[in-house]
Amino acid sequence: MDFYSILFFLYGTILGSFYNVVGLRVPENKSLLTPGSSCPACRHKLGWFELIPVLSYLFLKGKCRKCRKTISPLYPGIELLAGLLFVYSYWHFGFSAELAAALVFSSLLIIITVTDLVYMIIPDKILLLFGAFLIVIRTVEPLNPWWDAPAGSAAGFFLLFFIAILSKGGMGGGDIKLYAVIGLVLGVKLTLLSFFLATLIGTAAGLIGLMLKGKNRKDQIPFGPSIAAGSIAAYFWGYELIDLYIRLLFT
């Protein structure tokens, strides 16, 4: 692994720690700077050695140093995920304008995964901020053809909007607006693929929840993480997946 791979991984884990803070505080309109990070159970203020991404969780065996209550694995999971996505983005695109798109896109999907898992909402302010960044990036680094980005945004929005109407509220407003942003990055074809993949992932997650956690069919399951997973798969490997499907279809 070269120097830049290590650097991107480390930066990713550090930003992943910050994305945890963003995902947990923005929905409650709390400051991102104050107060400092603390144990959710006893409010013990965390020292620097308790804030090292991933490693602190492992050293402390997933428990608060003071009260010994278990700390959610969501925190190191998000940090590790961000590190892996950042380094893979660098491997996939190298130093290019599309690398910027990949890092911003991954960051958005990581944050909304946190907000949707914890609060079952996707905040508008996060979508507006990242949407603005991605519009600028797609202006500098357009898809081919250039109109695929705005067309993808419209396709993502109206696809989920019509599904929400037909299902009488079965699709949340946050999911609809999120797909308008996703479409900017993916374009029409990959946006449709990402929704197909997200549906498969969401269905599998729902079935696992029914079997392992005793959930029933009326329990709400956040769709944001499935959207994030489907969109990442479509972004990095979408055309390969389409080619594989076509080959399987005609063999």
Protein backbone atom coordinates (compact mmCIF):
# COMPACT_ATOMS: atom_id res chain seq x y z
CA MET A 1 0.00 0.00 0.00
CA ASP A 2 1.53 3.34 -1.04
CA PHE A 3 1.78 6.56 0.96
CA TYR A 4 -1.31 8.16 -0.57
CA SER A 5 -3.44 5.08 0.08
CA ILE A 6 -2.53 5.25 3.77
CA LEU A 7 -3.17 8.99 3.79
CA PHE A 8 -6.61 8.69 2.20
CA PHE A 9 -7.55 5.89 4.60
CA LEU A 10 -6.46 7.92 7.65
CA TYR A 11 -8.23 11.06 6.44
CA GLY A 12 -11.32 8.98 5.77
CA THR A 13 -11.42 7.54 9.29
CA ILE A 14 -10.89 11.00 10.81
CA LEU A 15 -13.67 12.48 8.70
CA GLY A 16 -15.80 9.43 9.47
CA SER A 17 -15.54 10.34 13.16
CA PHE A 18 -16.72 13.85 12.28
CA TYR A 19 -19.53 12.45 10.13
CA ASN A 20 -20.79 10.57 13.18
CA VAL A 21 -21.04 13.92 14.96
CA VAL A 22 -22.80 15.51 11.97
CA GLY A 23 -25.25 12.65 11.62
CA LEU A 24 -26.11 12.64 15.32
CA ARG A 25 -26.29 16.40 15.93
CA VAL A 26 -27.69 18.01 12.78
CA PRO A 27 -31.14 16.35 13.07
CA GLU A 28 -31.42 17.79 16.60
CA ASN A 29 -30.13 21.23 15.52
CA LYS A 30 -27.15 20.98 17.87
CA SER A 31 -23.78 22.65 17.41
CA LEU A 32 -21.13 20.56 15.68
CA LEU A 33 -18.39 22.16 17.80
CA THR A 34 -19.72 22.34 21.34
CA PRO A 35 -20.01 20.54 23.64
CA GLY A 36 -17.15 18.11 23.02
CA SER A 37 -17.75 14.42 22.46
CA SER A 38 -18.91 12.48 25.50
CA CYS A 39 -20.22 9.09 26.55
CA PRO A 40 -23.93 8.82 25.63
CA ALA A 41 -24.66 7.09 28.96
CA CYS A 42 -22.70 8.92 31.69
CA ARG A 43 -21.73 12.09 29.75
CA HIS A 44 -18.04 11.55 30.56
CA LYS A 45 -16.08 13.97 28.36
CA LEU A 46 -13.82 11.97 26.08
CA GLY A 47 -10.08 12.61 26.07
CA TRP A 48 -7.97 12.65 22.92
CA PHE A 49 -6.89 9.05 23.46
CA GLU A 50 -10.57 8.02 23.48
CA LEU A 51 -11.21 9.71 20.15
CA ILE A 52 -8.73 7.90 17.90
CA PRO A 53 -10.86 6.53 15.04
CA VAL A 54 -11.51 2.77 15.26
CA LEU A 55 -8.48 2.11 17.50
CA SER A 56 -9.93 3.72 20.64
CA TYR A 57 -13.04 1.55 20.35
CA LEU A 58 -10.87 -1.57 20.06
CA PHE A 59 -8.55 -0.59 22.92
CA LEU A 60 -11.50 0.16 25.21
CA LYS A 61 -13.24 -3.05 24.10
CA GLY A 62 -16.32 -1.12 23.02
CA LYS A 63 -17.05 0.29 26.48
CA CYS A 64 -16.90 3.70 28.16
CA ARG A 65 -13.73 4.10 30.24
CA LYS A 66 -15.72 5.55 33.15
CA CYS A 67 -19.11 3.83 33.38
CA ARG A 68 -18.21 0.71 31.34
CA LYS A 69 -21.47 0.89 29.40
CA THR A 70 -21.34 -0.57 25.91
CA ILE A 71 -20.78 1.96 23.13
CA SER A 72 -22.59 1.46 19.83
CA PRO A 73 -20.48 -0.22 17.12
CA LEU A 74 -22.00 2.33 14.74
CA TYR A 75 -19.20 4.77 15.63
CA PRO A 76 -16.18 2.65 14.59
CA GLY A 77 -18.22 1.11 11.77
CA ILE A 78 -18.80 4.51 10.17
CA GLU A 79 -15.15 5.51 10.72
CA LEU A 80 -13.89 2.33 9.07
CA LEU A 81 -16.41 2.60 6.23
CA ALA A 82 -15.33 6.16 5.49
CA GLY A 83 -11.67 5.14 5.47
CA LEU A 84 -12.32 2.26 3.08
CA LEU A 85 -14.46 4.35 0.73
CA PHE A 86 -11.90 7.16 0.63
CA VAL A 87 -8.99 4.87 -0.17
CA TYR A 88 -11.01 2.92 -2.74
CA SER A 89 -12.06 6.19 -4.41
CA TYR A 90 -8.38 7.09 -4.73
CA TRP A 91 -7.55 3.67 -6.19
CA HIS A 92 -10.48 3.87 -8.62
CA PHE A 93 -10.05 7.42 -9.93
CA GLY A 94 -6.56 8.53 -8.97
CA PHE A 95 -5.98 12.27 -8.66
CA SER A 96 -8.78 13.63 -10.84
CA ALA A 97 -11.88 15.81 -10.68
CA GLU A 98 -13.99 12.65 -10.43
CA LEU A 99 -12.11 11.77 -7.24
CA ALA A 100 -13.59 14.91 -5.69
CA ALA A 101 -17.06 13.76 -6.76
CA ALA A 102 -16.43 10.32 -5.25
CA LEU A 103 -15.28 11.73 -1.90
CA VAL A 104 -18.18 14.19 -1.62
CA PHE A 105 -20.70 11.56 -2.74
CA SER A 106 -19.36 8.98 -0.28
CA SER A 107 -19.42 11.55 2.52
CA LEU A 108 -23.07 12.39 1.83
CA LEU A 109 -24.11 8.74 1.83
CA ILE A 110 -22.20 8.03 5.05
CA ILE A 111 -23.87 10.92 6.89
CA ILE A 112 -27.40 10.08 5.74
CA THR A 113 -26.80 6.47 6.77
CA VAL A 114 -26.17 7.71 10.32
CA THR A 115 -29.15 10.07 10.39
CA ASP A 116 -31.53 7.49 8.95
CA LEU A 117 -30.36 4.67 11.21
CA VAL A 118 -30.62 6.78 14.37
CA TYR A 119 -33.52 9.15 13.64
CA MET A 120 -35.10 7.74 10.46
CA ILE A 121 -34.81 11.12 8.75
CA ILE A 122 -32.62 12.59 6.01
CA PRO A 123 -32.17 16.31 6.84
CA ASP A 124 -32.80 18.84 4.07
CA LYS A 125 -29.84 21.00 5.15
CA ILE A 126 -27.44 18.12 4.50
CA LEU A 127 -28.95 17.44 1.07
CA LEU A 128 -28.80 21.14 0.15
CA LEU A 129 -25.16 21.49 1.20
CA PHE A 130 -23.92 18.39 -0.58
CA GLY A 131 -26.20 19.01 -3.55
CA ALA A 132 -24.59 22.43 -4.04
CA PHE A 133 -21.09 20.92 -3.91
CA LEU A 134 -22.03 18.22 -6.40
CA ILE A 135 -23.58 20.71 -8.84
CA VAL A 136 -20.28 22.61 -8.85
CA ILE A 137 -18.31 19.40 -9.34
CA ARG A 138 -20.57 18.21 -12.16
CA THR A 139 -20.12 21.62 -13.82
CA VAL A 140 -16.34 21.17 -13.73
CA GLU A 141 -16.42 17.43 -14.44
CA PRO A 142 -19.66 16.76 -16.40
CA LEU A 143 -20.99 13.35 -17.29
CA ASN A 144 -20.96 12.26 -20.93
CA PRO A 145 -23.30 13.53 -22.29
CA TRP A 146 -23.45 16.64 -20.10
CA TRP A 147 -27.24 16.52 -19.72
CA ASP A 148 -27.10 13.08 -18.08
CA ALA A 149 -26.57 14.67 -14.64
CA PRO A 150 -29.67 16.92 -14.62
CA ALA A 151 -31.67 14.17 -16.34
CA GLY A 152 -30.51 11.69 -13.69
CA SER A 153 -31.51 14.10 -10.94
CA ALA A 154 -34.99 14.47 -12.45
CA ALA A 155 -35.31 10.72 -13.00
CA GLY A 156 -34.35 9.94 -9.41
CA PHE A 157 -36.73 12.52 -7.97
CA PHE A 158 -39.77 11.64 -10.06
CA LEU A 159 -39.25 7.88 -9.80
CA LEU A 160 -39.45 7.98 -6.02
CA PHE A 161 -42.12 10.68 -6.08
CA PHE A 162 -44.43 8.46 -8.15
CA ILE A 163 -43.66 5.46 -5.95
CA ALA A 164 -44.58 7.56 -2.89
CA ILE A 165 -47.91 8.48 -4.51
CA LEU A 166 -48.69 4.93 -5.58
CA SER A 167 -47.73 3.49 -2.19
CA LYS A 168 -49.60 6.28 -0.35
CA GLY A 169 -46.64 7.44 1.70
CA GLY A 170 -44.56 4.28 1.58
CA MET A 171 -41.56 6.34 0.45
CA GLY A 172 -40.29 9.18 2.65
CA GLY A 173 -39.76 12.72 1.43
CA GLY A 174 -36.11 12.55 2.43
CA ASP A 175 -35.57 9.53 0.18
CA ILE A 176 -37.18 11.37 -2.74
CA LYS A 177 -34.95 14.44 -2.34
CA LEU A 178 -31.89 12.28 -1.74
CA TYR A 179 -32.39 10.60 -5.12
CA ALA A 180 -32.48 14.00 -6.80
CA VAL A 181 -28.94 14.53 -5.47
CA ILE A 182 -27.83 10.99 -6.28
CA GLY A 183 -28.98 11.46 -9.89
CA LEU A 184 -26.54 14.36 -10.30
CA VAL A 185 -23.67 11.98 -9.69
CA LEU A 186 -24.89 8.85 -11.43
CA GLY A 187 -26.90 9.96 -14.43
CA VAL A 188 -30.11 8.28 -15.59
CA LYS A 189 -29.00 4.70 -16.21
CA LEU A 190 -26.99 4.25 -13.01
CA THR A 191 -29.62 6.04 -10.93
CA LEU A 192 -32.21 3.48 -12.01
CA LEU A 193 -29.72 0.69 -11.31
CA SER A 194 -28.97 2.08 -7.86
CA PHE A 195 -32.66 2.08 -6.98
CA PHE A 196 -33.01 -1.51 -8.16
CA LEU A 197 -30.02 -2.54 -6.03
CA ALA A 198 -31.29 -0.52 -3.06
CA THR A 199 -34.64 -2.32 -3.29
CA LEU A 200 -32.91 -5.71 -3.27
CA ILE A 201 -30.71 -4.73 -0.33
CA GLY A 202 -33.63 -3.23 1.58
CA THR A 203 -35.74 -6.33 1.03
CA ALA A 204 -32.91 -8.58 2.24
CA ALA A 205 -32.38 -6.35 5.29
CA GLY A 206 -36.09 -6.49 6.07
CA LEU A 207 -36.19 -10.27 5.85
CA ILE A 208 -33.13 -10.57 8.09
CA GLY A 209 -34.78 -8.22 10.57
CA LEU A 210 -37.91 -10.37 10.58
CA MET A 211 -35.90 -13.53 11.24
CA LEU A 212 -33.30 -12.30 13.71
CA LYS A 213 -34.82 -9.37 15.57
CA GLY A 214 -38.44 -10.34 15.76
CA LYS A 215 -39.62 -7.35 13.73
CA ASN A 216 -43.02 -7.52 12.12
CA ARG A 217 -44.08 -6.26 8.73
CA LYS A 218 -45.52 -3.04 10.17
CA ASP A 219 -42.19 -1.99 11.75
CA GLN A 220 -40.49 0.82 9.85
CA ILE A 221 -37.05 0.04 8.50
CA PRO A 222 -34.81 2.94 7.38
CA PHE A 223 -34.30 2.83 3.63
CA GLY A 224 -31.41 5.33 3.59
CA PRO A 225 -28.64 2.78 4.28
CA SER A 226 -29.96 0.56 1.46
CA ILE A 227 -30.00 3.56 -0.87
CA ALA A 228 -26.43 4.36 0.16
CA ALA A 229 -25.24 0.80 -0.48
CA GLY A 230 -27.05 0.55 -3.83
CA SER A 231 -25.73 3.93 -4.95
CA ILE A 232 -22.13 3.11 -4.02
CA ALA A 233 -22.38 -0.19 -5.92
CA ALA A 234 -23.87 1.53 -8.97
CA TYR A 235 -21.29 4.35 -8.87
CA PHE A 236 -18.19 2.17 -8.75
CA TRP A 237 -19.31 -1.01 -10.51
CA GLY A 238 -22.58 -0.11 -12.26
CA TYR A 239 -21.58 -0.69 -15.87
CA GLU A 240 -19.82 -3.93 -14.98
CA LEU A 241 -23.00 -5.12 -13.24
CA ILE A 242 -25.11 -4.18 -16.28
CA ASP A 243 -22.73 -6.00 -18.63
CA LEU A 244 -22.79 -9.07 -16.38
CA TYR A 245 -26.59 -9.06 -16.33
CA ILE A 246 -26.77 -8.80 -20.13
CA ARG A 247 -24.29 -11.66 -20.57
CA LEU A 248 -26.28 -13.85 -18.17
CA LEU A 249 -29.50 -12.91 -19.93
CA PHE A 250 -28.28 -13.99 -23.37
CA THR A 251 -26.31 -17.12 -22.45
